[in-house]
C-alpha atoms as a PDB file:
ATOM      1  CA  MET A   1      -5.461  -7.306  -2.356  1.00  0.00           C
ATOM      2  CA  ILE A   2      -6.901  -4.684  -0.064  1.00  0.00           C
ATOM      3  CA  ALA A   3      -6.060  -4.702   3.648  1.00  0.00           C
ATOM      4  CA  HIS A   4      -6.028  -2.255   6.516  1.00  0.00           C
ATOM      5  CA  TYR A   5      -2.534  -2.879   7.928  1.00  0.00           C
ATOM      6  CA  THR A   6       0.666  -3.494   5.980  1.00  0.00           C
ATOM      7  CA  PRO A   7       2.531  -6.744   6.746  1.00  0.00           C
ATOM      8  CA  ASN A   8       5.304  -4.748   8.451  1.00  0.00           C
ATOM      9  CA  GLN A   9       2.794  -3.348  10.954  1.00  0.00           C
ATOM     10  CA  CYS A  10       1.549  -6.783  12.025  1.00  0.00           C
ATOM     11  CA  GLN A  11       2.758  -8.924  14.871  1.00  0.00           C
ATOM     12  CA  HIS A  12       5.839 -10.927  13.928  1.00  0.00           C
ATOM     13  CA  GLN A  13       4.079 -14.308  13.583  1.00  0.00           C
ATOM     14  CA  PHE A  14       1.226 -12.995  11.413  1.00  0.00           C
ATOM     15  CA  GLY A  15       3.516 -10.774   9.338  1.00  0.00           C
ATOM     16  CA  THR A  16       5.846 -13.715   8.637  1.00  0.00           C
ATOM     17  CA  ARG A  17       2.964 -15.973   7.573  1.00  0.00           C
ATOM     18  CA  PHE A  18       1.444 -13.232   5.445  1.00  0.00           C
ATOM     19  CA  ARG A  19       4.750 -12.594   3.655  1.00  0.00           C
ATOM     20  CA  ALA A  20       5.185 -16.337   3.033  1.00  0.00           C
ATOM     21  CA  LEU A  21       1.691 -16.510   1.488  1.00  0.00           C
ATOM     22  CA  MET A  22       2.377 -13.469  -0.696  1.00  0.00           C
ATOM     23  CA  GLU A  23       5.561 -15.125  -1.952  1.00  0.00           C
ATOM     24  CA  ARG A  24       3.797 -18.407  -2.647  1.00  0.00           C
ATOM     25  CA  PHE A  25       0.942 -16.724  -4.528  1.00  0.00           C
ATOM     26  CA  GLN A  26       2.869 -13.850  -6.110  1.00  0.00           C
ATOM     27  CA  ALA A  27       1.557 -14.829  -9.573  1.00  0.00           C
ATOM     28  CA  VAL A  28      -2.007 -14.399  -8.264  1.00  0.00           C
ATOM     29  CA  VAL A  29      -1.739 -11.446  -5.849  1.00  0.00           C
ATOM     30  CA  ARG A  30      -0.191  -8.754  -8.001  1.00  0.00           C
ATOM     31  CA  PHE A  31      -0.559  -5.650  -5.892  1.00  0.00           C
ATOM     32  CA  GLY A  32      -1.537  -4.646  -2.376  1.00  0.00           C
ATOM     33  CA  MET A  33      -3.345  -1.565  -1.110  1.00  0.00           C
ATOM     34  CA  GLN A  34      -3.336  -0.677   2.564  1.00  0.00           C
ATOM     35  CA  GLY A  35      -4.057   2.300   4.781  1.00  0.00           C
ATOM     36  CA  HIS A  36      -4.004   2.805   8.547  1.00  0.00           C
ATOM     37  CA  THR A  37      -0.985   5.130   8.708  1.00  0.00           C
ATOM     38  CA  HIS A  38      -2.729   8.113   7.046  1.00  0.00           C
ATOM     39  CA  THR A  39       0.553   8.694   5.203  1.00  0.00           C
ATOM     40  CA  GLU A  40       1.100   7.851   1.547  1.00  0.00           C
ATOM     41  CA  TYR A  41       4.099   5.671   0.720  1.00  0.00           C
ATOM     42  CA  PHE A  42       5.080   2.471  -1.063  1.00  0.00           C
ATOM     43  CA  GLU A  43       6.401  -0.709   0.501  1.00  0.00           C
ATOM     44  CA  VAL A  44       8.176  -3.588  -1.219  1.00  0.00           C
ATOM     45  CA  VAL A  45       7.547  -7.061   0.232  1.00  0.00           C
ATOM     46  CA  GLN A  46      10.754  -9.093   0.154  1.00  0.00           C
ATOM     47  CA  SER A  47      11.015 -12.839  -0.434  1.00  0.00           C
ATOM     48  CA  MET A  48      11.271 -15.007   2.681  1.00  0.00           C
ATOM     49  CA  SER A  49      13.459 -17.611   0.974  1.00  0.00           C
ATOM     50  CA  ASN A  50      15.525 -15.287  -1.220  1.00  0.00           C
ATOM     51  CA  PRO A  51      16.174 -11.974   0.604  1.00  0.00           C
ATOM     52  CA  GLY A  52      16.620  -9.105  -1.801  1.00  0.00           C
ATOM     53  CA  LYS A  53      14.032 -10.475  -4.249  1.00  0.00           C
ATOM     54  CA  ALA A  54      10.859  -8.404  -4.369  1.00  0.00           C
ATOM     55  CA  VAL A  55       7.625 -10.409  -4.520  1.00  0.00           C
ATOM     56  CA  MET A  56       4.965  -7.717  -4.080  1.00  0.00           C
ATOM     57  CA  LEU A  57       4.428  -3.966  -4.072  1.00  0.00           C
ATOM     58  CA  ASN A  58       2.143  -2.382  -1.492  1.00  0.00           C
ATOM     59  CA  SER A  59       0.691   1.055  -1.925  1.00  0.00           C
ATOM     60  CA  VAL A  60      -0.170   2.626   1.407  1.00  0.00           C
ATOM     61  CA  GLY A  61      -2.636   5.405   0.788  1.00  0.00           C
ATOM     62  CA  GLY A  62      -3.324   8.596   2.640  1.00  0.00           C
ATOM     63  CA  SER A  63      -6.656   9.302   4.262  1.00  0.00           C
ATOM     64  CA  VAL A  64      -9.697  11.431   3.553  1.00  0.00           C
ATOM     65  CA  THR A  65      -9.783  12.262   7.256  1.00  0.00           C
ATOM     66  CA  THR A  66      -7.368  14.705   8.845  1.00  0.00           C
ATOM     67  CA  TYR A  67      -4.873  13.096  11.191  1.00  0.00           C
ATOM     68  CA  SER A  68      -1.674  14.355  12.812  1.00  0.00           C
ATOM     69  CA  GLY A  69      -1.444  17.400  10.577  1.00  0.00           C
ATOM     70  CA  HIS A  70      -1.853  15.464   7.319  1.00  0.00           C
ATOM     71  CA  ASN A  71      -4.076  16.923   4.626  1.00  0.00           C
ATOM     72  CA  PRO A  72      -7.022  14.765   3.512  1.00  0.00           C
ATOM     73  CA  SER A  73      -6.261  12.872   0.300  1.00  0.00           C
ATOM     74  CA  PHE A  74      -7.314  10.012  -1.934  1.00  0.00           C
ATOM     75  CA  MET A  75      -5.648   8.056  -4.737  1.00  0.00           C
ATOM     76  CA  VAL A  76      -6.909   7.043  -8.179  1.00  0.00           C
ATOM     77  CA  ILE A  77      -5.075   4.089  -9.751  1.00  0.00           C
ATOM     78  CA  ASP A  78      -5.082   2.975 -13.401  1.00  0.00           C
ATOM     79  CA  PHE A  79      -4.412  -0.746 -13.887  1.00  0.00           C
ATOM     80  CA  ASP A  80      -3.162  -2.645 -16.929  1.00  0.00           C
ATOM     81  CA  GLN A  81      -6.012  -4.978 -17.927  1.00  0.00           C
ATOM     82  CA  GLU A  82      -3.748  -7.897 -18.824  1.00  0.00           C
ATOM     83  CA  THR A  83      -1.331  -7.913 -15.886  1.00  0.00           C
ATOM     84  CA  MET A  84      -3.578  -6.216 -13.299  1.00  0.00           C
ATOM     85  CA  LEU A  85      -0.568  -4.150 -12.253  1.00  0.00           C
ATOM     86  CA  PRO A  86      -0.802  -0.398 -11.664  1.00  0.00           C
ATOM     87  CA  VAL A  87       0.400   1.795 -14.516  1.00  0.00           C
ATOM     88  CA  ASN A  88      -0.523   5.243 -13.152  1.00  0.00           C
ATOM     89  CA  MET A  89      -1.339   6.556  -9.697  1.00  0.00           C
ATOM     90  CA  TYR A  90      -2.769   9.977  -9.010  1.00  0.00           C
ATOM     91  CA  THR A  91      -3.089  11.503  -5.555  1.00  0.00           C
ATOM     92  CA  TYR A  92      -5.523  14.321  -4.898  1.00  0.00           C
ATOM     93  CA  TYR A  93      -5.411  16.262  -1.649  1.00  0.00           C
ATOM     94  CA  MET A  94      -6.874  19.348  -0.029  1.00  0.00           C
ATOM     95  CA  ASP A  95      -4.562  21.917   1.521  1.00  0.00           C
ATOM     96  CA  LEU A  96      -6.426  22.614   4.762  1.00  0.00           C
ATOM     97  CA  GLU A  97      -4.202  25.510   5.813  1.00  0.00           C
ATOM     98  CA  ARG A  98      -4.822  27.284   2.514  1.00  0.00           C
ATOM     99  CA  ALA A  99      -8.546  26.494   2.596  1.00  0.00           C
ATOM    100  CA  ASN A 100      -8.874  27.876   6.126  1.00  0.00           C
ATOM    101  CA  ARG A 101      -7.249  31.178   5.150  1.00  0.00           C
END
């Protein structure tokens, strides 16, 4: 699933409902990709009914625009055809400071 915000960045009521839906449909929604923060990181969505149990992995990608001193970047993801889960992720970025020298 592709979204702009991660569930943790949403208002409490929406974030709670979103997490409950991801838990209910975890066999369907295998992986999430979000942006907005312009910083690359991963986020594990925890179960609402069984804390400590992971139900979904979100990949929060960087940005091709410069923002707050971050270099522009993009990610290429290889998926397993059977499970539709990511098997490899590659991030490419441009070092603006080096390029400007």
